[in-house]
Amino acid sequence: MDRDKDFTEWADSVSYALYFHRAAVSDALNLPVTVVAQVSEEIASLAACERRKIRKHLTRLLAHLLKWQYCRPAALHARRDRWREAIQNSRDEISEVLKFSPSLEQYLAEYATDLYPRSAMEVSDQTGVAQSAFPATCPWNVEQILLDEPWGF
């Protein structure tokens, strides 16, 4: 496991190994077992932080894609540049996290499915567009979410 190739996968593996071998590690390093368990938890929290980053940026990206595609033309025209910038920034942030933790890519479809309702509710609250105006489930696959072409940027 190489930390520089996939940080999240490395952190998960190290955390798991430390936790399940905490007694042996404790003896080898002459540390209390509780300290080894705490170190394991801290390393696991680093991996969780990377997952939260992806989820945060994906939520924002889905919200702006909804605004772009479903909001009134007048609103789109007035905010086009800001929304385009927010979409690109979110895509860039997701790409940056995936560069250091490519194993998280396998969860993007699941995360999009999970986060879409929250994004739709957020857009409805912000724009006044009824939530029923949006599809009930995420209308885009991961490739469409992350690529520029379908949206005419």
Protein backbone atom coordinates (compact mmCIF):
# COMPACT_ATOMS: atom_id res chain seq x y z
CA MET A 1 0.00 0.00 0.00
CA ASP A 2 1.54 3.27 -1.12
CA ARG A 3 0.36 6.45 0.59
CA ASP A 4 1.40 8.57 -2.39
CA LYS A 5 -0.66 6.52 -4.87
CA ASP A 6 -3.91 6.45 -2.90
CA PHE A 7 -4.04 8.23 0.41
CA THR A 8 -7.53 7.10 1.44
CA GLU A 9 -6.89 3.46 0.66
CA TRP A 10 -3.57 3.65 2.53
CA ALA A 11 -5.18 5.32 5.56
CA ASP A 12 -7.97 2.74 5.66
CA SER A 13 -5.46 -0.12 5.45
CA VAL A 14 -3.12 1.27 8.09
CA SER A 15 -5.98 2.10 10.42
CA TYR A 16 -7.44 -1.38 10.02
CA ALA A 17 -4.06 -3.07 10.57
CA LEU A 18 -3.30 -0.98 13.65
CA TYR A 19 -6.70 -1.61 15.16
CA PHE A 20 -6.76 -5.36 14.64
CA HIS A 21 -3.12 -5.82 15.64
CA ARG A 22 -3.17 -3.24 18.41
CA ALA A 23 -1.97 -5.67 21.08
CA ALA A 24 1.07 -6.72 19.02
CA VAL A 25 1.82 -3.14 18.01
CA SER A 26 1.43 -2.05 21.61
CA ASP A 27 3.94 -4.66 22.76
CA ALA A 28 6.38 -3.93 19.92
CA LEU A 29 6.37 -0.17 20.54
CA ASN A 30 5.93 -0.36 24.30
CA LEU A 31 2.80 1.77 24.13
CA PRO A 32 -0.55 1.32 25.86
CA VAL A 33 -3.11 -0.50 23.71
CA THR A 34 -5.43 2.49 24.06
CA VAL A 35 -2.83 4.75 22.42
CA VAL A 36 -2.49 2.40 19.45
CA ALA A 37 -6.30 2.29 19.14
CA GLN A 38 -6.43 6.10 19.24
CA VAL A 39 -3.77 6.38 16.54
CA SER A 40 -5.82 3.94 14.45
CA GLU A 41 -8.90 6.12 14.92
CA GLU A 42 -6.99 9.27 13.97
CA ILE A 43 -5.72 7.69 10.76
CA ALA A 44 -9.24 6.46 9.96
CA SER A 45 -10.51 10.00 10.45
CA LEU A 46 -8.08 11.22 7.78
CA ALA A 47 -9.66 8.83 5.28
CA ALA A 48 -13.12 9.93 6.38
CA CYS A 49 -12.11 13.55 5.79
CA GLU A 50 -11.30 12.75 2.15
CA ARG A 51 -14.73 11.12 1.74
CA ARG A 52 -16.41 14.18 3.26
CA LYS A 53 -14.52 16.47 0.85
CA ILE A 54 -15.78 14.50 -2.14
CA ARG A 55 -19.34 14.50 -0.78
CA LYS A 56 -19.26 18.26 -0.06
CA HIS A 57 -18.03 19.17 -3.52
CA LEU A 58 -20.39 16.70 -5.19
CA THR A 59 -23.37 18.16 -3.33
CA ARG A 60 -22.41 21.64 -4.51
CA LEU A 61 -21.82 20.42 -8.06
CA LEU A 62 -25.19 18.66 -8.25
CA ALA A 63 -26.94 21.77 -6.94
CA HIS A 64 -25.36 23.99 -9.57
CA LEU A 65 -26.07 21.50 -12.36
CA LEU A 66 -29.71 21.53 -11.28
CA LYS A 67 -29.74 25.31 -11.31
CA TRP A 68 -28.12 25.34 -14.72
CA GLN A 69 -30.54 22.89 -16.27
CA TYR A 70 -33.85 23.54 -14.48
CA CYS A 71 -33.98 27.17 -13.37
CA ARG A 72 -35.81 29.85 -15.34
CA PRO A 73 -33.90 31.22 -18.33
CA ALA A 74 -33.82 34.72 -16.80
CA ALA A 75 -32.14 33.38 -13.65
CA LEU A 76 -29.72 31.35 -15.73
CA HIS A 77 -28.80 34.36 -17.84
CA ALA A 78 -28.23 36.58 -14.79
CA ARG A 79 -26.13 34.02 -12.94
CA ARG A 80 -24.60 32.02 -15.80
CA ASP A 81 -21.00 33.03 -15.13
CA ARG A 82 -21.17 32.41 -11.37
CA TRP A 83 -22.87 29.04 -11.83
CA ARG A 84 -20.39 28.02 -14.53
CA GLU A 85 -17.54 29.00 -12.23
CA ALA A 86 -19.06 27.09 -9.29
CA ILE A 87 -19.56 24.01 -11.48
CA GLN A 88 -15.99 24.11 -12.72
CA ASN A 89 -14.58 24.77 -9.25
CA SER A 90 -16.48 21.81 -7.82
CA ARG A 91 -15.29 19.57 -10.64
CA ASP A 92 -11.73 20.73 -10.07
CA GLU A 93 -11.96 20.06 -6.33
CA ILE A 94 -13.34 16.57 -6.92
CA SER A 95 -10.58 15.92 -9.44
CA GLU A 96 -7.95 17.09 -6.97
CA VAL A 97 -9.21 14.74 -4.25
CA LEU A 98 -9.36 11.85 -6.73
CA LYS A 99 -5.80 12.55 -7.84
CA PHE A 100 -4.57 11.65 -4.35
CA SER A 101 -7.29 9.11 -3.53
CA PRO A 102 -8.36 7.43 -6.78
CA SER A 103 -10.08 4.63 -4.86
CA LEU A 104 -12.87 7.10 -4.01
CA GLU A 105 -13.94 7.21 -7.65
CA GLN A 106 -15.75 3.92 -7.19
CA TYR A 107 -18.13 5.61 -4.73
CA LEU A 108 -19.13 8.60 -6.86
CA ALA A 109 -22.29 7.01 -8.30
CA GLU A 110 -23.41 5.94 -4.84
CA TYR A 111 -22.64 9.38 -3.42
CA ALA A 112 -24.50 11.12 -6.27
CA THR A 113 -27.57 8.97 -5.65
CA ASP A 114 -27.37 9.67 -1.93
CA LEU A 115 -26.69 13.41 -2.19
CA TYR A 116 -29.00 14.33 -5.05
CA PRO A 117 -32.16 14.79 -2.92
CA ARG A 118 -30.28 17.15 -0.60
CA SER A 119 -29.02 19.14 -3.58
CA ALA A 120 -32.50 19.34 -5.08
CA MET A 121 -33.95 20.56 -1.78
CA GLU A 122 -31.18 23.16 -1.47
CA VAL A 123 -31.82 24.47 -5.00
CA SER A 124 -35.55 24.58 -4.38
CA ASP A 125 -34.99 26.60 -1.19
CA GLN A 126 -32.54 28.98 -2.90
CA THR A 127 -34.42 29.57 -6.13
CA GLY A 128 -38.07 29.07 -5.32
CA VAL A 129 -38.34 26.39 -8.01
CA ALA A 130 -40.62 23.65 -6.68
CA GLN A 131 -38.73 20.50 -5.79
CA SER A 132 -41.28 18.59 -7.89
CA ALA A 133 -39.85 20.37 -10.96
CA PHE A 134 -36.66 18.34 -10.56
CA PRO A 135 -36.34 14.64 -11.38
CA ALA A 136 -36.94 12.39 -8.37
CA THR A 137 -33.55 10.73 -8.82
CA CYS A 138 -30.25 12.04 -10.11
CA PRO A 139 -30.67 12.50 -13.87
CA TRP A 140 -26.96 12.25 -14.65
CA ASN A 141 -24.40 9.51 -14.49
CA VAL A 142 -20.93 10.13 -13.04
CA GLU A 143 -19.39 10.80 -16.44
CA GLN A 144 -21.97 13.47 -17.21
CA ILE A 145 -21.56 15.05 -13.79
CA LEU A 146 -17.80 15.35 -14.16
CA LEU A 147 -17.51 16.25 -17.86
CA ASP A 148 -18.17 19.63 -19.41
CA GLU A 149 -19.65 18.63 -22.78
CA PRO A 150 -23.25 17.79 -21.82
CA TRP A 151 -23.76 21.21 -20.29
CA GLY A 152 -22.35 23.44 -22.99
CA PHE A 153 -19.65 25.09 -20.94
